[in-house]
Amino acid sequence: MEGSSSNNVENIFIPAHDPNELRNRQNELEKKEARIQELKKQIELTKLHLEEMKKKSGAKEKMEAFNHLVEAYNRMREEYNAWLAERSRDSNK
């Protein structure tokens, strides 16, 4: 097993003598590096998009909570006003 891994290492470091092979490998490397950079940008954009979605969903939840509080306030205000009206009628008798 050690012999096979050392052969692989040797194959990596053997200089290519063919200029076309060097150019081809350089082109492959450049394409891979460009793709890596493109993927990094896409990852960052996706992270930003997810953060925006979290903020929006947080805002949506806040808006729902606010609406719930407004409804509760309106119910209590109506109940209070009804209680005041009843009290006013009782005191006028």
PDB file of N, CA and C in Angstrom:
ATOM      1  N   MET A   1       0.829  -1.189   0.000  1.00  0.00           N
ATOM      2  CA  MET A   1       0.000   0.000   0.000  1.00  0.00           C
ATOM      3  C   MET A   1       0.869   1.246   0.000  1.00  0.00           C
ATOM      4  N   GLU A   2       1.950   1.208   0.763  1.00  0.00           N
ATOM      5  CA  GLU A   2       2.836   2.361   0.791  1.00  0.00           C
ATOM      6  C   GLU A   2       3.471   2.590  -0.567  1.00  0.00           C
ATOM      7  N   GLY A   3       3.780   1.516  -1.253  1.00  0.00           N
ATOM      8  CA  GLY A   3       4.387   1.637  -2.574  1.00  0.00           C
ATOM      9  C   GLY A   3       3.450   2.312  -3.551  1.00  0.00           C
ATOM     10  N   SER A   4       2.150   1.997  -3.470  1.00  0.00           N
ATOM     11  CA  SER A   4       1.200   2.599  -4.401  1.00  0.00           C
ATOM     12  C   SER A   4       0.998   4.071  -4.103  1.00  0.00           C
ATOM     13  N   SER A   5       1.005   4.452  -2.815  1.00  0.00           N
ATOM     14  CA  SER A   5       0.825   5.869  -2.500  1.00  0.00           C
ATOM     15  C   SER A   5       2.057   6.666  -2.884  1.00  0.00           C
ATOM     16  N   SER A   6       3.234   6.080  -2.751  1.00  0.00           N
ATOM     17  CA  SER A   6       4.432   6.819  -3.151  1.00  0.00           C
ATOM     18  C   SER A   6       4.480   6.957  -4.663  1.00  0.00           C
ATOM     19  N   ASN A   7       3.951   5.967  -5.393  1.00  0.00           N
ATOM     20  CA  ASN A   7       3.887   6.088  -6.847  1.00  0.00           C
ATOM     21  C   ASN A   7       2.975   7.234  -7.249  1.00  0.00           C
ATOM     22  N   ASN A   8       1.849   7.382  -6.539  1.00  0.00           N
ATOM     23  CA  ASN A   8       0.933   8.478  -6.836  1.00  0.00           C
ATOM     24  C   ASN A   8       1.600   9.819  -6.591  1.00  0.00           C
ATOM     25  N   VAL A   9       2.355   9.916  -5.516  1.00  0.00           N
ATOM     26  CA  VAL A   9       3.047  11.162  -5.207  1.00  0.00           C
ATOM     27  C   VAL A   9       4.082  11.458  -6.272  1.00  0.00           C
ATOM     28  N   GLU A  10       4.788  10.428  -6.695  1.00  0.00           N
ATOM     29  CA  GLU A  10       5.792  10.630  -7.736  1.00  0.00           C
ATOM     30  C   GLU A  10       5.144  11.103  -9.026  1.00  0.00           C
ATOM     31  N   ASN A  11       3.980  10.552  -9.357  1.00  0.00           N
ATOM     32  CA  ASN A  11       3.293  10.949 -10.583  1.00  0.00           C
ATOM     33  C   ASN A  11       2.871  12.412 -10.543  1.00  0.00           C
ATOM     34  N   ILE A  12       2.543  12.894  -9.371  1.00  0.00           N
ATOM     35  CA  ILE A  12       2.112  14.282  -9.244  1.00  0.00           C
ATOM     36  C   ILE A  12       3.271  15.228  -9.518  1.00  0.00           C
ATOM     37  N   PHE A  13       4.454  14.856  -9.064  1.00  0.00           N
ATOM     38  CA  PHE A  13       5.586  15.766  -9.153  1.00  0.00           C
ATOM     39  C   PHE A  13       6.449  15.569 -10.395  1.00  0.00           C
ATOM     40  N   ILE A  14       6.095  14.647 -11.241  1.00  0.00           N
ATOM     41  CA  ILE A  14       6.847  14.485 -12.485  1.00  0.00           C
ATOM     42  C   ILE A  14       6.500  15.655 -13.387  1.00  0.00           C
ATOM     43  N   PRO A  15       7.504  16.422 -13.807  1.00  0.00           N
ATOM     44  CA  PRO A  15       7.206  17.571 -14.664  1.00  0.00           C
ATOM     45  C   PRO A  15       6.708  17.112 -16.028  1.00  0.00           C
ATOM     46  N   ALA A  16       5.721  17.814 -16.521  1.00  0.00           N
ATOM     47  CA  ALA A  16       5.193  17.516 -17.847  1.00  0.00           C
ATOM     48  C   ALA A  16       6.109  18.177 -18.868  1.00  0.00           C
ATOM     49  N   HIS A  17       6.517  17.414 -19.843  1.00  0.00           N
ATOM     50  CA  HIS A  17       7.447  17.942 -20.837  1.00  0.00           C
ATOM     51  C   HIS A  17       6.722  18.505 -22.043  1.00  0.00           C
ATOM     52  N   ASP A  18       5.479  18.160 -22.210  1.00  0.00           N
ATOM     53  CA  ASP A  18       4.719  18.605 -23.371  1.00  0.00           C
ATOM     54  C   ASP A  18       4.106  19.974 -23.082  1.00  0.00           C
ATOM     55  N   PRO A  19       4.448  21.016 -23.838  1.00  0.00           N
ATOM     56  CA  PRO A  19       3.877  22.351 -23.596  1.00  0.00           C
ATOM     57  C   PRO A  19       2.352  22.379 -23.737  1.00  0.00           C
ATOM     58  N   ASN A  20       1.816  21.571 -24.628  1.00  0.00           N
ATOM     59  CA  ASN A  20       0.354  21.512 -24.780  1.00  0.00           C
ATOM     60  C   ASN A  20      -0.297  20.963 -23.518  1.00  0.00           C
ATOM     61  N   GLU A  21       0.340  19.961 -22.931  1.00  0.00           N
ATOM     62  CA  GLU A  21      -0.194  19.388 -21.699  1.00  0.00           C
ATOM     63  C   GLU A  21      -0.150  20.423 -20.576  1.00  0.00           C
ATOM     64  N   LEU A  22       0.938  21.181 -20.524  1.00  0.00           N
ATOM     65  CA  LEU A  22       1.045  22.243 -19.518  1.00  0.00           C
ATOM     66  C   LEU A  22      -0.054  23.285 -19.704  1.00  0.00           C
ATOM     67  N   ARG A  23      -0.272  23.697 -20.940  1.00  0.00           N
ATOM     68  CA  ARG A  23      -1.327  24.681 -21.224  1.00  0.00           C
ATOM     69  C   ARG A  23      -2.697  24.129 -20.865  1.00  0.00           C
ATOM     70  N   ASN A  24      -2.915  22.869 -21.216  1.00  0.00           N
ATOM     71  CA  ASN A  24      -4.205  22.243 -20.898  1.00  0.00           C
ATOM     72  C   ASN A  24      -4.435  22.199 -19.392  1.00  0.00           C
ATOM     73  N   ARG A  25      -3.399  21.814 -18.664  1.00  0.00           N
ATOM     74  CA  ARG A  25      -3.537  21.756 -17.205  1.00  0.00           C
ATOM     75  C   ARG A  25      -3.724  23.150 -16.617  1.00  0.00           C
ATOM     76  N   GLN A  26      -2.999  24.116 -17.177  1.00  0.00           N
ATOM     77  CA  GLN A  26      -3.157  25.497 -16.704  1.00  0.00           C
ATOM     78  C   GLN A  26      -4.580  25.988 -16.967  1.00  0.00           C
ATOM     79  N   ASN A  27      -5.117  25.682 -18.136  1.00  0.00           N
ATOM     80  CA  ASN A  27      -6.495  26.070 -18.465  1.00  0.00           C
ATOM     81  C   ASN A  27      -7.493  25.399 -17.529  1.00  0.00           C
ATOM     82  N   GLU A  28      -7.273  24.115 -17.262  1.00  0.00           N
ATOM     83  CA  GLU A  28      -8.157  23.402 -16.334  1.00  0.00           C
ATOM     84  C   GLU A  28      -8.108  24.043 -14.951  1.00  0.00           C
ATOM     85  N   LEU A  29      -6.893  24.353 -14.511  1.00  0.00           N
ATOM     86  CA  LEU A  29      -6.725  24.974 -13.208  1.00  0.00           C
ATOM     87  C   LEU A  29      -7.430  26.326 -13.154  1.00  0.00           C
ATOM     88  N   GLU A  30      -7.272  27.123 -14.185  1.00  0.00           N
ATOM     89  CA  GLU A  30      -7.922  28.436 -14.229  1.00  0.00           C
ATOM     90  C   GLU A  30      -9.439  28.305 -14.227  1.00  0.00           C
ATOM     91  N   LYS A  31      -9.953  27.329 -14.981  1.00  0.00           N
ATOM     92  CA  LYS A  31     -11.401  27.106 -15.006  1.00  0.00           C
ATOM     93  C   LYS A  31     -11.909  26.686 -13.631  1.00  0.00           C
ATOM     94  N   LYS A  32     -11.157  25.791 -12.983  1.00  0.00           N
ATOM     95  CA  LYS A  32     -11.564  25.336 -11.653  1.00  0.00           C
ATOM     96  C   LYS A  32     -11.513  26.480 -10.649  1.00  0.00           C
ATOM     97  N   GLU A  33     -10.469  27.300 -10.728  1.00  0.00           N
ATOM     98  CA  GLU A  33     -10.367  28.436  -9.814  1.00  0.00           C
ATOM     99  C   GLU A  33     -11.488  29.441 -10.063  1.00  0.00           C
ATOM    100  N   ALA A  34     -11.816  29.675 -11.327  1.00  0.00           N
ATOM    101  CA  ALA A  34     -12.917  30.584 -11.651  1.00  0.00           C
ATOM    102  C   ALA A  34     -14.232  30.029 -11.119  1.00  0.00           C
ATOM    103  N   ARG A  35     -14.428  28.730 -11.263  1.00  0.00           N
ATOM    104  CA  ARG A  35     -15.655  28.097 -10.768  1.00  0.00           C
ATOM    105  C   ARG A  35     -15.727  28.191  -9.244  1.00  0.00           C
ATOM    106  N   ILE A  36     -14.581  27.999  -8.590  1.00  0.00           N
ATOM    107  CA  ILE A  36     -14.546  28.112  -7.130  1.00  0.00           C
ATOM    108  C   ILE A  36     -14.935  29.521  -6.708  1.00  0.00           C
ATOM    109  N   GLN A  37     -14.394  30.527  -7.376  1.00  0.00           N
ATOM    110  CA  GLN A  37     -14.732  31.914  -7.046  1.00  0.00           C
ATOM    111  C   GLN A  37     -16.215  32.183  -7.288  1.00  0.00           C
ATOM    112  N   GLU A  38     -16.734  31.650  -8.387  1.00  0.00           N
ATOM    113  CA  GLU A  38     -18.158  31.812  -8.694  1.00  0.00           C
ATOM    114  C   GLU A  38     -19.021  31.174  -7.609  1.00  0.00           C
ATOM    115  N   LEU A  39     -18.633  29.982  -7.173  1.00  0.00           N
ATOM    116  CA  LEU A  39     -19.386  29.298  -6.122  1.00  0.00           C
ATOM    117  C   LEU A  39     -19.309  30.057  -4.804  1.00  0.00           C
ATOM    118  N   LYS A  40     -18.140  30.622  -4.495  1.00  0.00           N
ATOM    119  CA  LYS A  40     -18.013  31.419  -3.272  1.00  0.00           C
ATOM    120  C   LYS A  40     -18.968  32.605  -3.309  1.00  0.00           C
ATOM    121  N   LYS A  41     -19.039  33.272  -4.463  1.00  0.00           N
ATOM    122  CA  LYS A  41     -19.957  34.410  -4.600  1.00  0.00           C
ATOM    123  C   LYS A  41     -21.402  33.964  -4.433  1.00  0.00           C
ATOM    124  N   GLN A  42     -21.743  32.834  -5.047  1.00  0.00           N
ATOM    125  CA  GLN A  42     -23.106  32.321  -4.933  1.00  0.00           C
ATOM    126  C   GLN A  42     -23.437  31.968  -3.490  1.00  0.00           C
ATOM    127  N   ILE A  43     -22.472  31.405  -2.779  1.00  0.00           N
ATOM    128  CA  ILE A  43     -22.693  31.059  -1.375  1.00  0.00           C
ATOM    129  C   ILE A  43     -22.948  32.320  -0.571  1.00  0.00           C
ATOM    130  N   GLU A  44     -22.137  33.348  -0.784  1.00  0.00           N
ATOM    131  CA  GLU A  44     -22.318  34.605  -0.057  1.00  0.00           C
ATOM    132  C   GLU A  44     -23.672  35.234  -0.376  1.00  0.00           C
ATOM    133  N   LEU A  45     -24.046  35.236  -1.660  1.00  0.00           N
ATOM    134  CA  LEU A  45     -25.343  35.791  -2.044  1.00  0.00           C
ATOM    135  C   LEU A  45     -26.485  35.003  -1.410  1.00  0.00           C
ATOM    136  N   THR A  46     -26.337  33.688  -1.362  1.00  0.00           N
ATOM    137  CA  THR A  46     -27.361  32.848  -0.747  1.00  0.00           C
ATOM    138  C   THR A  46     -27.465  33.131   0.745  1.00  0.00           C
ATOM    139  N   LYS A  47     -26.312  33.296   1.411  1.00  0.00           N
ATOM    140  CA  LYS A  47     -26.328  33.629   2.839  1.00  0.00           C
ATOM    141  C   LYS A  47     -27.052  34.948   3.068  1.00  0.00           C
ATOM    142  N   LEU A  48     -26.733  35.950   2.248  1.00  0.00           N
ATOM    143  CA  LEU A  48     -27.387  37.248   2.391  1.00  0.00           C
ATOM    144  C   LEU A  48     -28.890  37.131   2.159  1.00  0.00           C
ATOM    145  N   HIS A  49     -29.263  36.361   1.150  1.00  0.00           N
ATOM    146  CA  HIS A  49     -30.683  36.168   0.840  1.00  0.00           C
ATOM    147  C   HIS A  49     -31.400  35.499   2.013  1.00  0.00           C
ATOM    148  N   LEU A  50     -30.769  34.494   2.604  1.00  0.00           N
ATOM    149  CA  LEU A  50     -31.375  33.809   3.748  1.00  0.00           C
ATOM    150  C   LEU A  50     -31.504  34.739   4.945  1.00  0.00           C
ATOM    151  N   GLU A  51     -30.491  35.581   5.165  1.00  0.00           N
ATOM    152  CA  GLU A  51     -30.571  36.536   6.266  1.00  0.00           C
ATOM    153  C   GLU A  51     -31.710  37.521   6.043  1.00  0.00           C
ATOM    154  N   GLU A  52     -31.877  37.968   4.790  1.00  0.00           N
ATOM    155  CA  GLU A  52     -32.987  38.871   4.475  1.00  0.00           C
ATOM    156  C   GLU A  52     -34.321  38.180   4.703  1.00  0.00           C
ATOM    157  N   MET A  53     -34.395  36.906   4.312  1.00  0.00           N
ATOM    158  CA  MET A  53     -35.638  36.163   4.516  1.00  0.00           C
ATOM    159  C   MET A  53     -35.936  36.029   6.002  1.00  0.00           C
ATOM    160  N   LYS A  54     -34.897  35.789   6.811  1.00  0.00           N
ATOM    161  CA  LYS A  54     -35.095  35.694   8.257  1.00  0.00           C
ATOM    162  C   LYS A  54     -35.614  37.009   8.804  1.00  0.00           C
ATOM    163  N   LYS A  55     -35.020  38.106   8.334  1.00  0.00           N
ATOM    164  CA  LYS A  55     -35.457  39.420   8.806  1.00  0.00           C
ATOM    165  C   LYS A  55     -36.905  39.667   8.410  1.00  0.00           C
ATOM    166  N   LYS A  56     -37.239  39.317   7.172  1.00  0.00           N
ATOM    167  CA  LYS A  56     -38.611  39.521   6.708  1.00  0.00           C
ATOM    168  C   LYS A  56     -39.576  38.643   7.483  1.00  0.00           C
ATOM    169  N   SER A  57     -39.185  37.391   7.723  1.00  0.00           N
ATOM    170  CA  SER A  57     -40.085  36.517   8.481  1.00  0.00           C
ATOM    171  C   SER A  57     -40.195  37.012   9.906  1.00  0.00           C
ATOM    172  N   GLY A  58     -39.110  37.542  10.437  1.00  0.00           N
ATOM    173  CA  GLY A  58     -39.163  38.142  11.763  1.00  0.00           C
ATOM    174  C   GLY A  58     -40.080  39.340  11.767  1.00  0.00           C
ATOM    175  N   ALA A  59     -39.996  40.150  10.716  1.00  0.00           N
ATOM    176  CA  ALA A  59     -40.865  41.313  10.602  1.00  0.00           C
ATOM    177  C   ALA A  59     -42.320  40.866  10.454  1.00  0.00           C
ATOM    178  N   LYS A  60     -42.530  39.788   9.720  1.00  0.00           N
ATOM    179  CA  LYS A  60     -43.888  39.272   9.544  1.00  0.00           C
ATOM    180  C   LYS A  60     -44.441  38.808  10.887  1.00  0.00           C
ATOM    181  N   GLU A  61     -43.620  38.099  11.649  1.00  0.00           N
ATOM    182  CA  GLU A  61     -44.063  37.642  12.968  1.00  0.00           C
ATOM    183  C   GLU A  61     -44.343  38.824  13.885  1.00  0.00           C
ATOM    184  N   LYS A  62     -43.497  39.841  13.800  1.00  0.00           N
ATOM    185  CA  LYS A  62     -43.714  41.036  14.617  1.00  0.00           C
ATOM    186  C   LYS A  62     -45.018  41.717  14.219  1.00  0.00           C
ATOM    187  N   MET A  63     -45.281  41.768  12.916  1.00  0.00           N
ATOM    188  CA  MET A  63     -46.508  42.400  12.435  1.00  0.00           C
ATOM    189  C   MET A  63     -47.726  41.609  12.904  1.00  0.00           C
ATOM    190  N   GLU A  64     -47.644  40.288  12.864  1.00  0.00           N
ATOM    191  CA  GLU A  64     -48.754  39.464  13.344  1.00  0.00           C
ATOM    192  C   GLU A  64     -48.974  39.676  14.838  1.00  0.00           C
ATOM    193  N   ALA A  65     -47.889  39.746  15.592  1.00  0.00           N
ATOM    194  CA  ALA A  65     -48.005  39.994  17.036  1.00  0.00           C
ATOM    195  C   ALA A  65     -48.605  41.370  17.287  1.00  0.00           C
ATOM    196  N   PHE A  66     -48.170  42.361  16.516  1.00  0.00           N
ATOM    197  CA  PHE A  66     -48.710  43.720  16.649  1.00  0.00           C
ATOM    198  C   PHE A  66     -50.204  43.720  16.360  1.00  0.00           C
ATOM    199  N   ASN A  67     -50.615  43.064  15.275  1.00  0.00           N
ATOM    200  CA  ASN A  67     -52.037  43.003  14.925  1.00  0.00           C
ATOM    201  C   ASN A  67     -52.838  42.313  16.023  1.00  0.00           C
ATOM    202  N   HIS A  68     -52.278  41.265  16.592  1.00  0.00           N
ATOM    203  CA  HIS A  68     -52.947  40.567  17.693  1.00  0.00           C
ATOM    204  C   HIS A  68     -53.125  41.511  18.882  1.00  0.00           C
ATOM    205  N   LEU A  69     -52.087  42.284  19.192  1.00  0.00           N
ATOM    206  CA  LEU A  69     -52.177  43.236  20.298  1.00  0.00           C
ATOM    207  C   LEU A  69     -53.201  44.328  20.010  1.00  0.00           C
ATOM    208  N   VAL A  70     -53.256  44.786  18.767  1.00  0.00           N
ATOM    209  CA  VAL A  70     -54.241  45.809  18.392  1.00  0.00           C
ATOM    210  C   VAL A  70     -55.649  45.268  18.575  1.00  0.00           C
ATOM    211  N   GLU A  71     -55.879  44.025  18.140  1.00  0.00           N
ATOM    212  CA  GLU A  71     -57.198  43.419  18.304  1.00  0.00           C
ATOM    213  C   GLU A  71     -57.556  43.277  19.782  1.00  0.00           C
ATOM    214  N   ALA A  72     -56.597  42.842  20.586  1.00  0.00           N
ATOM    215  CA  ALA A  72     -56.843  42.705  22.026  1.00  0.00           C
ATOM    216  C   ALA A  72     -57.146  44.072  22.639  1.00  0.00           C
ATOM    217  N   TYR A  73     -56.390  45.085  22.240  1.00  0.00           N
ATOM    218  CA  TYR A  73     -56.620  46.446  22.742  1.00  0.00           C
ATOM    219  C   TYR A  73     -58.021  46.917  22.378  1.00  0.00           C
ATOM    220  N   ASN A  74     -58.414  46.704  21.121  1.00  0.00           N
ATOM    221  CA  ASN A  74     -59.742  47.139  20.677  1.00  0.00           C
ATOM    222  C   ASN A  74     -60.849  46.426  21.453  1.00  0.00           C
ATOM    223  N   ARG A  75     -60.679  45.120  21.709  1.00  0.00           N
ATOM    224  CA  ARG A  75     -61.678  44.389  22.500  1.00  0.00           C
ATOM    225  C   ARG A  75     -61.775  44.962  23.908  1.00  0.00           C
ATOM    226  N   MET A  76     -60.628  45.200  24.522  1.00  0.00           N
ATOM    227  CA  MET A  76     -60.637  45.744  25.892  1.00  0.00           C
ATOM    228  C   MET A  76     -61.218  47.153  25.925  1.00  0.00           C
ATOM    229  N   ARG A  77     -60.916  47.958  24.911  1.00  0.00           N
ATOM    230  CA  ARG A  77     -61.449  49.319  24.856  1.00  0.00           C
ATOM    231  C   ARG A  77     -62.963  49.289  24.716  1.00  0.00           C
ATOM    232  N   GLU A  78     -63.469  48.392  23.848  1.00  0.00           N
ATOM    233  CA  GLU A  78     -64.916  48.268  23.691  1.00  0.00           C
ATOM    234  C   GLU A  78     -65.565  47.797  24.989  1.00  0.00           C
ATOM    235  N   GLU A  79     -64.939  46.851  25.656  1.00  0.00           N
ATOM    236  CA  GLU A  79     -65.468  46.364  26.925  1.00  0.00           C
ATOM    237  C   GLU A  79     -65.454  47.478  27.976  1.00  0.00           C
ATOM    238  N   TYR A  80     -64.380  48.239  28.008  1.00  0.00           N
ATOM    239  CA  TYR A  80     -64.267  49.353  28.952  1.00  0.00           C
ATOM    240  C   TYR A  80     -65.339  50.403  28.678  1.00  0.00           C
ATOM    241  N   ASN A  81     -65.493  50.760  27.392  1.00  0.00           N
ATOM    242  CA  ASN A  81     -66.509  51.756  27.041  1.00  0.00           C
ATOM    243  C   ASN A  81     -67.908  51.258  27.385  1.00  0.00           C
ATOM    244  N   ALA A  82     -68.164  49.982  27.173  1.00  0.00           N
ATOM    245  CA  ALA A  82     -69.464  49.414  27.535  1.00  0.00           C
ATOM    246  C   ALA A  82     -69.651  49.463  29.047  1.00  0.00           C
ATOM    247  N   TRP A  83     -68.611  49.157  29.790  1.00  0.00           N
ATOM    248  CA  TRP A  83     -68.671  49.216  31.250  1.00  0.00           C
ATOM    249  C   TRP A  83     -68.933  50.639  31.725  1.00  0.00           C
ATOM    250  N   LEU A  84     -68.242  51.637  31.105  1.00  0.00           N
ATOM    251  CA  LEU A  84     -68.466  53.041  31.472  1.00  0.00           C
ATOM    252  C   LEU A  84     -69.896  53.472  31.160  1.00  0.00           C
ATOM    253  N   ALA A  85     -70.406  53.046  30.018  1.00  0.00           N
ATOM    254  CA  ALA A  85     -71.775  53.407  29.639  1.00  0.00           C
ATOM    255  C   ALA A  85     -72.767  52.807  30.631  1.00  0.00           C
ATOM    256  N   GLU A  86     -72.545  51.568  31.025  1.00  0.00           N
ATOM    257  CA  GLU A  86     -73.424  50.913  31.984  1.00  0.00           C
ATOM    258  C   GLU A  86     -73.344  51.614  33.341  1.00  0.00           C
ATOM    259  N   ARG A  87     -72.166  51.961  33.740  1.00  0.00           N
ATOM    260  CA  ARG A  87     -71.971  52.654  35.014  1.00  0.00           C
ATOM    261  C   ARG A  87     -72.645  54.027  34.991  1.00  0.00           C
ATOM    262  N   SER A  88     -72.523  54.695  33.854  1.00  0.00           N
ATOM    263  CA  SER A  88     -73.141  56.020  33.714  1.00  0.00           C
ATOM    264  C   SER A  88     -74.661  55.912  33.819  1.00  0.00           C
ATOM    265  N   ARG A  89     -75.219  54.879  33.188  1.00  0.00           N
ATOM    266  CA  ARG A  89     -76.671  54.676  33.261  1.00  0.00           C
ATOM    267  C   ARG A  89     -77.107  54.375  34.694  1.00  0.00           C
ATOM    268  N   ASP A  90     -76.321  53.549  35.380  1.00  0.00           N
ATOM    269  CA  ASP A  90     -76.663  53.186  36.761  1.00  0.00           C
ATOM    270  C   ASP A  90     -76.597  54.407  37.680  1.00  0.00           C
ATOM    271  N   SER A  91     -75.643  55.286  37.459  1.00  0.00           N
ATOM    272  CA  SER A  91     -75.512  56.455  38.339  1.00  0.00           C
ATOM    273  C   SER A  91     -76.576  57.511  38.042  1.00  0.00           C
ATOM    274  N   ASN A  92     -77.153  57.506  36.851  1.00  0.00           N
ATOM    275  CA  ASN A  92     -78.200  58.462  36.489  1.00  0.00           C
ATOM    276  C   ASN A  92     -79.562  58.037  37.032  1.00  0.00           C
ATOM    277  N   LYS A  93     -79.740  56.856  37.476  1.00  0.00           N
ATOM    278  CA  LYS A  93     -81.036  56.362  37.957  1.00  0.00           C
ATOM    279  C   LYS A  93     -81.351  56.854  39.306  1.00  0.00           C
TER     280      LYS A  93
END
